[in-house]
Amino acid sequence: MAKTTRAKRKAAVTPAPDLDKLIHERMRLGIVSALAAGGAMSFGDLKAVLGTTDGNLSVHARKLEDAGYLACRKFFDDRTPRTEYELTTAGRRALETYLDQMEAIISAARR
């Protein structure tokens, strides 16, 4: 009897998906989530929303930019340098995949 129950449980357990480690990190997930919800954001606005430091935001945004998940635009606004970030199509697709995987994990855990 115990063997049958154990076999049923084993059959019901699906392997955990390979989560995108680039997005799975807390600060990077915050960056892509904020940009997905709010569209393009300035460096200052993103920093305020995430409650982080300049250096921390710069490092994590650069990693996302290097992966092609973010587009960074630098320009001058009345002689003041500005930096603006926007989620790319690849970044939005990566976030949607990540969210689907997390929903599957949460759903399996609630059964």
Foldseek 3Di string as FASTA:
>chain_A
DVVVVVVVVVVLDDDQDDADPLCPDPLNVLQLVCCVVPPKDWLVVSCVVSVHDSVVNVVSVVSCVVVVQKDWDWDADPNRIIIMIHGDPVNVVSSVVNVVSVVVVVVSVVD
